[in-house]
């Protein structure tokens, strides 16, 4: 148990193992790049607004995915879980992916 806790601590401190780390790092670098390379104030504002919308959409997608994962985890904890229990968790999958794709 100690090693599990230690590895979880290391992953949370370094960002390794955090599946959102790559996206958050990409958005951060994109913001820096806009500030560095886009000199027209109007275009810079639009680019930053786009990155902000992207960041918010990603956060919303993660919330939807977490809700689905939590539902499946709860079904896994029940020894008498049925296929219908799992299927009910997947009702939001299509809207979640549609929103993420958009």
PDB file of N, CA and C in Angstrom:
ATOM      1  N   UNK A   1       0.820  -1.193   0.000  1.00  0.00           N
ATOM      2  CA  UNK A   1       0.000   0.000   0.000  1.00  0.00           C
ATOM      3  C   UNK A   1       0.869   1.264   0.000  1.00  0.00           C
ATOM      4  N   UNK A   2       1.987   1.209   0.701  1.00  0.00           N
ATOM      5  CA  UNK A   2       2.899   2.348   0.743  1.00  0.00           C
ATOM      6  C   UNK A   2       3.353   2.724  -0.665  1.00  0.00           C
ATOM      7  N   UNK A   3       3.701   1.696  -1.479  1.00  0.00           N
ATOM      8  CA  UNK A   3       4.222   1.980  -2.811  1.00  0.00           C
ATOM      9  C   UNK A   3       3.157   2.568  -3.728  1.00  0.00           C
ATOM     10  N   UNK A   4       1.929   2.141  -3.546  1.00  0.00           N
ATOM     11  CA  UNK A   4       0.825   2.700  -4.329  1.00  0.00           C
ATOM     12  C   UNK A   4       0.647   4.170  -3.975  1.00  0.00           C
ATOM     13  N   UNK A   5       0.656   4.468  -2.684  1.00  0.00           N
ATOM     14  CA  UNK A   5       0.502   5.858  -2.241  1.00  0.00           C
ATOM     15  C   UNK A   5       1.673   6.708  -2.716  1.00  0.00           C
ATOM     16  N   UNK A   6       2.873   6.164  -2.624  1.00  0.00           N
ATOM     17  CA  UNK A   6       4.054   6.905  -3.067  1.00  0.00           C
ATOM     18  C   UNK A   6       4.000   7.175  -4.568  1.00  0.00           C
ATOM     19  N   UNK A   7       3.633   6.172  -5.355  1.00  0.00           N
ATOM     20  CA  UNK A   7       3.565   6.397  -6.806  1.00  0.00           C
ATOM     21  C   UNK A   7       2.467   7.388  -7.160  1.00  0.00           C
ATOM     22  N   UNK A   8       1.338   7.349  -6.447  1.00  0.00           N
ATOM     23  CA  UNK A   8       0.268   8.321  -6.684  1.00  0.00           C
ATOM     24  C   UNK A   8       0.749   9.732  -6.356  1.00  0.00           C
ATOM     25  N   UNK A   9       1.499   9.874  -5.270  1.00  0.00           N
ATOM     26  CA  UNK A   9       2.047  11.186  -4.904  1.00  0.00           C
ATOM     27  C   UNK A   9       3.009  11.684  -5.979  1.00  0.00           C
ATOM     28  N   UNK A  10       3.892  10.827  -6.429  1.00  0.00           N
ATOM     29  CA  UNK A  10       4.859  11.225  -7.463  1.00  0.00           C
ATOM     30  C   UNK A  10       4.142  11.626  -8.746  1.00  0.00           C
ATOM     31  N   UNK A  11       3.136  10.858  -9.145  1.00  0.00           N
ATOM     32  CA  UNK A  11       2.398  11.186 -10.373  1.00  0.00           C
ATOM     33  C   UNK A  11       1.667  12.517 -10.228  1.00  0.00           C
ATOM     34  N   UNK A  12       1.105  12.794  -9.055  1.00  0.00           N
ATOM     35  CA  UNK A  12       0.376  14.052  -8.897  1.00  0.00           C
ATOM     36  C   UNK A  12       1.332  15.241  -8.850  1.00  0.00           C
ATOM     37  N   UNK A  13       2.528  15.041  -8.313  1.00  0.00           N
ATOM     38  CA  UNK A  13       3.496  16.137  -8.249  1.00  0.00           C
ATOM     39  C   UNK A  13       4.136  16.425  -9.597  1.00  0.00           C
ATOM     40  N   UNK A  14       4.366  15.393 -10.387  1.00  0.00           N
ATOM     41  CA  UNK A  14       5.059  15.566 -11.667  1.00  0.00           C
ATOM     42  C   UNK A  14       4.115  15.773 -12.832  1.00  0.00           C
ATOM     43  N   UNK A  15       2.852  15.403 -12.659  1.00  0.00           N
ATOM     44  CA  UNK A  15       1.913  15.473 -13.779  1.00  0.00           C
ATOM     45  C   UNK A  15       1.911  14.210 -14.597  1.00  0.00           C
ATOM     46  N   UNK A  16       2.882  13.326 -14.386  1.00  0.00           N
ATOM     47  CA  UNK A  16       2.924  12.041 -15.084  1.00  0.00           C
ATOM     48  C   UNK A  16       1.766  11.201 -14.584  1.00  0.00           C
ATOM     49  N   UNK A  17       1.093  10.538 -15.463  1.00  0.00           N
ATOM     50  CA  UNK A  17      -0.036   9.728 -15.073  1.00  0.00           C
ATOM     51  C   UNK A  17      -1.338  10.509 -15.061  1.00  0.00           C
ATOM     52  N   UNK A  18      -1.247  11.808 -15.191  1.00  0.00           N
ATOM     53  CA  UNK A  18      -2.433  12.650 -15.265  1.00  0.00           C
ATOM     54  C   UNK A  18      -2.820  12.744 -16.732  1.00  0.00           C
ATOM     55  N   UNK A  19      -3.917  12.112 -17.106  1.00  0.00           N
ATOM     56  CA  UNK A  19      -4.265  12.061 -18.523  1.00  0.00           C
ATOM     57  C   UNK A  19      -4.707  13.408 -19.078  1.00  0.00           C
ATOM     58  N   UNK A  20      -4.884  14.389 -18.233  1.00  0.00           N
ATOM     59  CA  UNK A  20      -5.214  15.728 -18.726  1.00  0.00           C
ATOM     60  C   UNK A  20      -3.964  16.592 -18.880  1.00  0.00           C
ATOM     61  N   UNK A  21      -2.835  16.106 -18.397  1.00  0.00           N
ATOM     62  CA  UNK A  21      -1.608  16.888 -18.389  1.00  0.00           C
ATOM     63  C   UNK A  21      -1.206  17.357 -19.790  1.00  0.00           C
ATOM     64  N   UNK A  22      -1.259  16.458 -20.763  1.00  0.00           N
ATOM     65  CA  UNK A  22      -0.823  16.796 -22.125  1.00  0.00           C
ATOM     66  C   UNK A  22      -1.695  17.907 -22.709  1.00  0.00           C
ATOM     67  N   UNK A  23      -2.994  17.811 -22.524  1.00  0.00           N
ATOM     68  CA  UNK A  23      -3.899  18.837 -23.054  1.00  0.00           C
ATOM     69  C   UNK A  23      -3.673  20.168 -22.345  1.00  0.00           C
ATOM     70  N   UNK A  24      -3.568  20.133 -21.023  1.00  0.00           N
ATOM     71  CA  UNK A  24      -3.347  21.380 -20.284  1.00  0.00           C
ATOM     72  C   UNK A  24      -2.016  22.023 -20.664  1.00  0.00           C
ATOM     73  N   UNK A  25      -0.996  21.213 -20.862  1.00  0.00           N
ATOM     74  CA  UNK A  25       0.308  21.728 -21.273  1.00  0.00           C
ATOM     75  C   UNK A  25       0.232  22.315 -22.682  1.00  0.00           C
ATOM     76  N   UNK A  26      -0.473  21.647 -23.586  1.00  0.00           N
ATOM     77  CA  UNK A  26      -0.651  22.148 -24.945  1.00  0.00           C
ATOM     78  C   UNK A  26      -1.327  23.519 -24.928  1.00  0.00           C
ATOM     79  N   UNK A  27      -2.406  23.641 -24.157  1.00  0.00           N
ATOM     80  CA  UNK A  27      -3.131  24.915 -24.095  1.00  0.00           C
ATOM     81  C   UNK A  27      -2.262  26.020 -23.491  1.00  0.00           C
ATOM     82  N   UNK A  28      -1.495  25.673 -22.483  1.00  0.00           N
ATOM     83  CA  UNK A  28      -0.606  26.654 -21.865  1.00  0.00           C
ATOM     84  C   UNK A  28       0.435  27.151 -22.864  1.00  0.00           C
ATOM     85  N   UNK A  29       1.034  26.230 -23.586  1.00  0.00           N
ATOM     86  CA  UNK A  29       2.052  26.617 -24.584  1.00  0.00           C
ATOM     87  C   UNK A  29       1.420  27.392 -25.735  1.00  0.00           C
ATOM     88  N   UNK A  30       0.204  27.036 -26.097  1.00  0.00           N
ATOM     89  CA  UNK A  30      -0.480  27.769 -27.168  1.00  0.00           C
ATOM     90  C   UNK A  30      -0.729  29.213 -26.742  1.00  0.00           C
ATOM     91  N   UNK A  31      -1.143  29.409 -25.485  1.00  0.00           N
ATOM     92  CA  UNK A  31      -1.355  30.781 -24.986  1.00  0.00           C
ATOM     93  C   UNK A  31      -0.053  31.581 -25.026  1.00  0.00           C
ATOM     94  N   UNK A  32       1.032  30.951 -24.588  1.00  0.00           N
ATOM     95  CA  UNK A  32       2.337  31.627 -24.633  1.00  0.00           C
ATOM     96  C   UNK A  32       2.712  31.976 -26.067  1.00  0.00           C
ATOM     97  N   UNK A  33       2.456  31.059 -26.972  1.00  0.00           N
ATOM     98  CA  UNK A  33       2.797  31.261 -28.372  1.00  0.00           C
ATOM     99  C   UNK A  33       1.997  32.401 -28.981  1.00  0.00           C
ATOM    100  N   UNK A  34       0.723  32.496 -28.627  1.00  0.00           N
ATOM    101  CA  UNK A  34      -0.108  33.597 -29.125  1.00  0.00           C
ATOM    102  C   UNK A  34       0.474  34.922 -28.654  1.00  0.00           C
ATOM    103  N   UNK A  35       0.807  34.997 -27.379  1.00  0.00           N
ATOM    104  CA  UNK A  35       1.383  36.231 -26.845  1.00  0.00           C
ATOM    105  C   UNK A  35       2.697  36.602 -27.502  1.00  0.00           C
ATOM    106  N   UNK A  36       3.442  35.595 -27.891  1.00  0.00           N
ATOM    107  CA  UNK A  36       4.759  35.807 -28.469  1.00  0.00           C
ATOM    108  C   UNK A  36       4.721  36.107 -29.967  1.00  0.00           C
ATOM    109  N   UNK A  37       3.779  35.472 -30.694  1.00  0.00           N
ATOM    110  CA  UNK A  37       3.817  35.536 -32.156  1.00  0.00           C
ATOM    111  C   UNK A  37       2.676  36.307 -32.816  1.00  0.00           C
ATOM    112  N   UNK A  38       1.611  36.559 -32.097  1.00  0.00           N
ATOM    113  CA  UNK A  38       0.483  37.280 -32.692  1.00  0.00           C
ATOM    114  C   UNK A  38       0.524  38.710 -32.172  1.00  0.00           C
ATOM    115  N   UNK A  39       0.826  39.625 -33.063  1.00  0.00           N
ATOM    116  CA  UNK A  39       1.037  41.011 -32.640  1.00  0.00           C
ATOM    117  C   UNK A  39      -0.189  41.900 -32.831  1.00  0.00           C
ATOM    118  N   UNK A  40      -1.077  41.505 -33.709  1.00  0.00           N
ATOM    119  CA  UNK A  40      -2.299  42.276 -33.915  1.00  0.00           C
ATOM    120  C   UNK A  40      -3.230  42.043 -32.726  1.00  0.00           C
ATOM    121  N   UNK A  41      -3.608  43.103 -31.990  1.00  0.00           N
ATOM    122  CA  UNK A  41      -4.425  42.934 -30.782  1.00  0.00           C
ATOM    123  C   UNK A  41      -5.764  42.232 -31.019  1.00  0.00           C
ATOM    124  N   UNK A  42      -6.397  42.502 -32.141  1.00  0.00           N
ATOM    125  CA  UNK A  42      -7.689  41.880 -32.426  1.00  0.00           C
ATOM    126  C   UNK A  42      -7.511  40.374 -32.648  1.00  0.00           C
ATOM    127  N   UNK A  43      -6.528  40.016 -33.441  1.00  0.00           N
ATOM    128  CA  UNK A  43      -6.275  38.591 -33.704  1.00  0.00           C
ATOM    129  C   UNK A  43      -5.798  37.882 -32.434  1.00  0.00           C
ATOM    130  N   UNK A  44      -5.010  38.572 -31.639  1.00  0.00           N
ATOM    131  CA  UNK A  44      -4.530  37.984 -30.387  1.00  0.00           C
ATOM    132  C   UNK A  44      -5.711  37.704 -29.449  1.00  0.00           C
ATOM    133  N   UNK A  45      -6.614  38.660 -29.339  1.00  0.00           N
ATOM    134  CA  UNK A  45      -7.786  38.484 -28.482  1.00  0.00           C
ATOM    135  C   UNK A  45      -8.625  37.307 -28.967  1.00  0.00           C
ATOM    136  N   UNK A  46      -8.840  37.240 -30.281  1.00  0.00           N
ATOM    137  CA  UNK A  46      -9.636  36.135 -30.840  1.00  0.00           C
ATOM    138  C   UNK A  46      -8.972  34.781 -30.590  1.00  0.00           C
ATOM    139  N   UNK A  47      -7.663  34.730 -30.758  1.00  0.00           N
ATOM    140  CA  UNK A  47      -6.942  33.472 -30.532  1.00  0.00           C
ATOM    141  C   UNK A  47      -7.044  33.048 -29.067  1.00  0.00           C
ATOM    142  N   UNK A  48      -6.883  34.005 -28.166  1.00  0.00           N
ATOM    143  CA  UNK A  48      -6.975  33.683 -26.742  1.00  0.00           C
ATOM    144  C   UNK A  48      -8.395  33.281 -26.345  1.00  0.00           C
ATOM    145  N   UNK A  49      -9.385  33.919 -26.955  1.00  0.00           N
ATOM    146  CA  UNK A  49     -10.788  33.532 -26.697  1.00  0.00           C
ATOM    147  C   UNK A  49     -11.038  32.103 -27.175  1.00  0.00           C
ATOM    148  N   UNK A  50     -10.479  31.760 -28.332  1.00  0.00           N
ATOM    149  CA  UNK A  50     -10.633  30.408 -28.853  1.00  0.00           C
ATOM    150  C   UNK A  50      -9.985  29.392 -27.919  1.00  0.00           C
ATOM    151  N   UNK A  51      -8.799  29.711 -27.435  1.00  0.00           N
ATOM    152  CA  UNK A  51      -8.130  28.811 -26.497  1.00  0.00           C
ATOM    153  C   UNK A  51      -8.917  28.687 -25.195  1.00  0.00           C
ATOM    154  N   UNK A  52      -9.526  29.766 -24.748  1.00  0.00           N
ATOM    155  CA  UNK A  52     -10.336  29.719 -23.521  1.00  0.00           C
ATOM    156  C   UNK A  52     -11.574  28.843 -23.732  1.00  0.00           C
ATOM    157  N   UNK A  53     -12.225  28.996 -24.884  1.00  0.00           N
ATOM    158  CA  UNK A  53     -13.381  28.138 -25.184  1.00  0.00           C
ATOM    159  C   UNK A  53     -12.968  26.671 -25.247  1.00  0.00           C
ATOM    160  N   UNK A  54     -11.822  26.415 -25.845  1.00  0.00           N
ATOM    161  CA  UNK A  54     -11.311  25.051 -25.935  1.00  0.00           C
ATOM    162  C   UNK A  54     -11.047  24.486 -24.549  1.00  0.00           C
ATOM    163  N   UNK A  55     -10.444  25.275 -23.699  1.00  0.00           N
ATOM    164  CA  UNK A  55     -10.151  24.852 -22.327  1.00  0.00           C
ATOM    165  C   UNK A  55     -11.432  24.529 -21.560  1.00  0.00           C
ATOM    166  N   UNK A  56     -12.429  25.374 -21.698  1.00  0.00           N
ATOM    167  CA  UNK A  56     -13.711  25.149 -21.018  1.00  0.00           C
ATOM    168  C   UNK A  56     -14.412  23.910 -21.572  1.00  0.00           C
ATOM    169  N   UNK A  57     -14.351  23.727 -22.887  1.00  0.00           N
ATOM    170  CA  UNK A  57     -14.982  22.558 -23.501  1.00  0.00           C
ATOM    171  C   UNK A  57     -14.284  21.280 -23.040  1.00  0.00           C
ATOM    172  N   UNK A  58     -12.969  21.329 -22.912  1.00  0.00           N
ATOM    173  CA  UNK A  58     -12.235  20.167 -22.435  1.00  0.00           C
ATOM    174  C   UNK A  58     -12.614  19.847 -20.988  1.00  0.00           C
ATOM    175  N   UNK A  59     -12.717  20.866 -20.161  1.00  0.00           N
ATOM    176  CA  UNK A  59     -13.117  20.656 -18.761  1.00  0.00           C
ATOM    177  C   UNK A  59     -14.513  20.049 -18.692  1.00  0.00           C
ATOM    178  N   UNK A  60     -15.405  20.517 -19.530  1.00  0.00           N
ATOM    179  CA  UNK A  60     -16.763  19.973 -19.564  1.00  0.00           C
ATOM    180  C   UNK A  60     -16.749  18.518 -20.018  1.00  0.00           C
ATOM    181  N   UNK A  61     -15.936  18.224 -21.007  1.00  0.00           N
ATOM    182  CA  UNK A  61     -15.813  16.840 -21.481  1.00  0.00           C
ATOM    183  C   UNK A  61     -15.299  15.942 -20.359  1.00  0.00           C
ATOM    184  N   UNK A  62     -14.319  16.402 -19.617  1.00  0.00           N
ATOM    185  CA  UNK A  62     -13.764  15.602 -18.520  1.00  0.00           C
ATOM    186  C   UNK A  62     -14.829  15.350 -17.446  1.00  0.00           C
ATOM    187  N   UNK A  63     -15.685  16.345 -17.195  1.00  0.00           N
ATOM    188  CA  UNK A  63     -16.763  16.149 -16.220  1.00  0.00           C
ATOM    189  C   UNK A  63     -17.721  15.068 -16.696  1.00  0.00           C
ATOM    190  N   UNK A  64     -18.074  15.118 -17.982  1.00  0.00           N
ATOM    191  CA  UNK A  64     -18.976  14.100 -18.537  1.00  0.00           C
ATOM    192  C   UNK A  64     -18.334  12.714 -18.461  1.00  0.00           C
ATOM    193  N   UNK A  65     -17.064  12.631 -18.834  1.00  0.00           N
ATOM    194  CA  UNK A  65     -16.370  11.344 -18.806  1.00  0.00           C
ATOM    195  C   UNK A  65     -16.254  10.821 -17.372  1.00  0.00           C
ATOM    196  N   UNK A  66     -16.006  11.719 -16.428  1.00  0.00           N
ATOM    197  CA  UNK A  66     -15.905  11.311 -15.022  1.00  0.00           C
ATOM    198  C   UNK A  66     -17.243  10.788 -14.514  1.00  0.00           C
ATOM    199  N   UNK A  67     -18.331  11.411 -14.937  1.00  0.00           N
ATOM    200  CA  UNK A  67     -19.664  10.965 -14.521  1.00  0.00           C
ATOM    201  C   UNK A  67     -19.921   9.543 -15.018  1.00  0.00           C
ATOM    202  N   UNK A  68     -19.554   9.281 -16.253  1.00  0.00           N
ATOM    203  CA  UNK A  68     -19.730   7.945 -16.822  1.00  0.00           C
ATOM    204  C   UNK A  68     -18.844   6.942 -16.083  1.00  0.00           C
ATOM    205  N   UNK A  69     -17.590   7.307 -15.853  1.00  0.00           N
ATOM    206  CA  UNK A  69     -16.664   6.425 -15.139  1.00  0.00           C
ATOM    207  C   UNK A  69     -17.148   6.131 -13.725  1.00  0.00           C
ATOM    208  N   UNK A  70     -17.637   7.154 -13.045  1.00  0.00           N
ATOM    209  CA  UNK A  70     -18.152   6.955 -11.685  1.00  0.00           C
ATOM    210  C   UNK A  70     -19.339   6.002 -11.672  1.00  0.00           C
ATOM    211  N   UNK A  71     -20.206   6.144 -12.646  1.00  0.00           N
ATOM    212  CA  UNK A  71     -21.374   5.266 -12.748  1.00  0.00           C
ATOM    213  C   UNK A  71     -20.929   3.818 -12.958  1.00  0.00           C
ATOM    214  N   UNK A  72     -19.970   3.603 -13.848  1.00  0.00           N
ATOM    215  CA  UNK A  72     -19.468   2.250 -14.099  1.00  0.00           C
ATOM    216  C   UNK A  72     -18.781   1.697 -12.854  1.00  0.00           C
ATOM    217  N   UNK A  73     -18.038   2.530 -12.164  1.00  0.00           N
ATOM    218  CA  UNK A  73     -17.385   2.087 -10.933  1.00  0.00           C
ATOM    219  C   UNK A  73     -18.410   1.651  -9.891  1.00  0.00           C
ATOM    220  N   UNK A  74     -19.497   2.411  -9.769  1.00  0.00           N
ATOM    221  CA  UNK A  74     -20.552   2.047  -8.825  1.00  0.00           C
ATOM    222  C   UNK A  74     -21.200   0.721  -9.214  1.00  0.00           C
ATOM    223  N   UNK A  75     -21.411   0.508 -10.494  1.00  0.00           N
ATOM    224  CA  UNK A  75     -21.986  -0.758 -10.949  1.00  0.00           C
ATOM    225  C   UNK A  75     -21.017  -1.909 -10.665  1.00  0.00           C
ATOM    226  N   UNK A  76     -19.714  -1.653 -10.866  1.00  0.00           N
ATOM    227  CA  UNK A  76     -18.711  -2.686 -10.591  1.00  0.00           C
ATOM    228  C   UNK A  76     -18.718  -3.114  -9.124  1.00  0.00           C
ATOM    229  N   UNK A  77     -19.066  -2.218  -8.239  1.00  0.00           N
ATOM    230  CA  UNK A  77     -19.053  -2.524  -6.804  1.00  0.00           C
ATOM    231  C   UNK A  77     -20.227  -3.403  -6.381  1.00  0.00           C
ATOM    232  N   UNK A  78     -21.242  -3.490  -7.226  1.00  0.00           N
ATOM    233  CA  UNK A  78     -22.400  -4.322  -6.901  1.00  0.00           C
ATOM    234  C   UNK A  78     -22.176  -5.717  -7.492  1.00  0.00           C
ATOM    235  N   UNK A  79     -22.252  -6.698  -6.648  1.00  0.00           N
ATOM    236  CA  UNK A  79     -22.081  -8.070  -7.141  1.00  0.00           C
ATOM    237  C   UNK A  79     -23.236  -8.481  -8.047  1.00  0.00           C
ATOM    238  N   UNK A  80     -24.377  -7.867  -7.853  1.00  0.00           N
ATOM    239  CA  UNK A  80     -25.553  -8.232  -8.641  1.00  0.00           C
ATOM    240  C   UNK A  80     -25.792  -7.277  -9.811  1.00  0.00           C
ATOM    241  N   UNK A  81     -24.755  -6.571 -10.241  1.00  0.00           N
ATOM    242  CA  UNK A  81     -24.916  -5.621 -11.351  1.00  0.00           C
ATOM    243  C   UNK A  81     -25.320  -6.372 -12.618  1.00  0.00           C
ATOM    244  N   UNK A  82     -26.215  -5.776 -13.340  1.00  0.00           N
ATOM    245  CA  UNK A  82     -26.691  -6.384 -14.585  1.00  0.00           C
ATOM    246  C   UNK A  82     -26.180  -5.582 -15.784  1.00  0.00           C
ATOM    247  N   UNK A  83     -26.386  -6.119 -16.945  1.00  0.00           N
ATOM    248  CA  UNK A  83     -26.016  -5.406 -18.169  1.00  0.00           C
ATOM    249  C   UNK A  83     -26.769  -4.090 -18.255  1.00  0.00           C
ATOM    250  N   UNK A  84     -27.998  -4.063 -17.771  1.00  0.00           N
ATOM    251  CA  UNK A  84     -28.803  -2.834 -17.792  1.00  0.00           C
ATOM    252  C   UNK A  84     -28.176  -1.751 -16.903  1.00  0.00           C
ATOM    253  N   UNK A  85     -27.564  -2.159 -15.783  1.00  0.00           N
ATOM    254  CA  UNK A  85     -26.893  -1.183 -14.916  1.00  0.00           C
ATOM    255  C   UNK A  85     -25.762  -0.486 -15.675  1.00  0.00           C
ATOM    256  N   UNK A  86     -24.994  -1.287 -16.393  1.00  0.00           N
ATOM    257  CA  UNK A  86     -23.892  -0.708 -17.172  1.00  0.00           C
ATOM    258  C   UNK A  86     -24.410   0.097 -18.350  1.00  0.00           C
ATOM    259  N   UNK A  87     -25.435  -0.408 -18.980  1.00  0.00           N
ATOM    260  CA  UNK A  87     -26.000   0.296 -20.132  1.00  0.00           C
ATOM    261  C   UNK A  87     -26.528   1.667 -19.729  1.00  0.00           C
ATOM    262  N   UNK A  88     -27.112   1.758 -18.532  1.00  0.00           N
ATOM    263  CA  UNK A  88     -27.627   3.053 -18.085  1.00  0.00           C
ATOM    264  C   UNK A  88     -26.495   4.062 -17.898  1.00  0.00           C
ATOM    265  N   UNK A  89     -25.296   3.580 -17.592  1.00  0.00           N
ATOM    266  CA  UNK A  89     -24.141   4.473 -17.454  1.00  0.00           C
ATOM    267  C   UNK A  89     -23.732   5.076 -18.796  1.00  0.00           C
ATOM    268  N   UNK A  90     -24.050   4.382 -19.866  1.00  0.00           N
ATOM    269  CA  UNK A  90     -23.584   4.783 -21.192  1.00  0.00           C
ATOM    270  C   UNK A  90     -24.564   5.672 -21.946  1.00  0.00           C
ATOM    271  N   UNK A  91     -25.654   6.058 -21.299  1.00  0.00           N
ATOM    272  CA  UNK A  91     -26.639   6.914 -21.967  1.00  0.00           C
ATOM    273  C   UNK A  91     -26.043   8.237 -22.435  1.00  0.00           C
ATOM    274  N   UNK A  92     -25.071   8.758 -21.688  1.00  0.00           N
ATOM    275  CA  UNK A  92     -24.476  10.056 -22.031  1.00  0.00           C
ATOM    276  C   UNK A  92     -23.241   9.949 -22.916  1.00  0.00           C
ATOM    277  N   UNK A  93     -22.874   8.742 -23.343  1.00  0.00           N
ATOM    278  CA  UNK A  93     -21.657   8.589 -24.132  1.00  0.00           C
ATOM    279  C   UNK A  93     -21.749   9.325 -25.464  1.00  0.00           C
ATOM    280  N   UNK A  94     -22.809   9.107 -26.208  1.00  0.00           N
ATOM    281  CA  UNK A  94     -22.922   9.751 -27.527  1.00  0.00           C
ATOM    282  C   UNK A  94     -22.928  11.273 -27.415  1.00  0.00           C
ATOM    283  N   UNK A  95     -23.747  11.868 -26.514  1.00  0.00           N
ATOM    284  CA  UNK A  95     -23.694  13.326 -26.387  1.00  0.00           C
ATOM    285  C   UNK A  95     -22.309  13.830 -25.937  1.00  0.00           C
ATOM    286  N   UNK A  96     -21.661  13.063 -25.068  1.00  0.00           N
ATOM    287  CA  UNK A  96     -20.325  13.477 -24.601  1.00  0.00           C
ATOM    288  C   UNK A  96     -19.331  13.502 -25.748  1.00  0.00           C
ATOM    289  N   UNK A  97     -19.344  12.460 -26.577  1.00  0.00           N
ATOM    290  CA  UNK A  97     -18.419  12.431 -27.711  1.00  0.00           C
ATOM    291  C   UNK A  97     -18.781  13.451 -28.777  1.00  0.00           C
ATOM    292  N   UNK A  98     -20.068  13.659 -28.997  1.00  0.00           N
ATOM    293  CA  UNK A  98     -20.488  14.682 -29.962  1.00  0.00           C
ATOM    294  C   UNK A  98     -20.015  16.068 -29.525  1.00  0.00           C
ATOM    295  N   UNK A  99     -20.186  16.356 -28.252  1.00  0.00           N
ATOM    296  CA  UNK A  99     -19.745  17.659 -27.721  1.00  0.00           C
ATOM    297  C   UNK A  99     -18.226  17.786 -27.799  1.00  0.00           C
ATOM    298  N   UNK A 100     -17.519  16.707 -27.496  1.00  0.00           N
ATOM    299  CA  UNK A 100     -16.050  16.752 -27.554  1.00  0.00           C
ATOM    300  C   UNK A 100     -15.571  16.952 -28.985  1.00  0.00           C
ATOM    301  N   UNK A 101     -16.214  16.292 -29.928  1.00  0.00           N
ATOM    302  CA  UNK A 101     -15.816  16.429 -31.326  1.00  0.00           C
ATOM    303  C   UNK A 101     -16.053  17.839 -31.841  1.00  0.00           C
ATOM    304  N   UNK A 102     -17.159  18.450 -31.371  1.00  0.00           N
ATOM    305  CA  UNK A 102     -17.468  19.803 -31.812  1.00  0.00           C
ATOM    306  C   UNK A 102     -16.437  20.782 -31.287  1.00  0.00           C
TER     307      UNK A 102
END
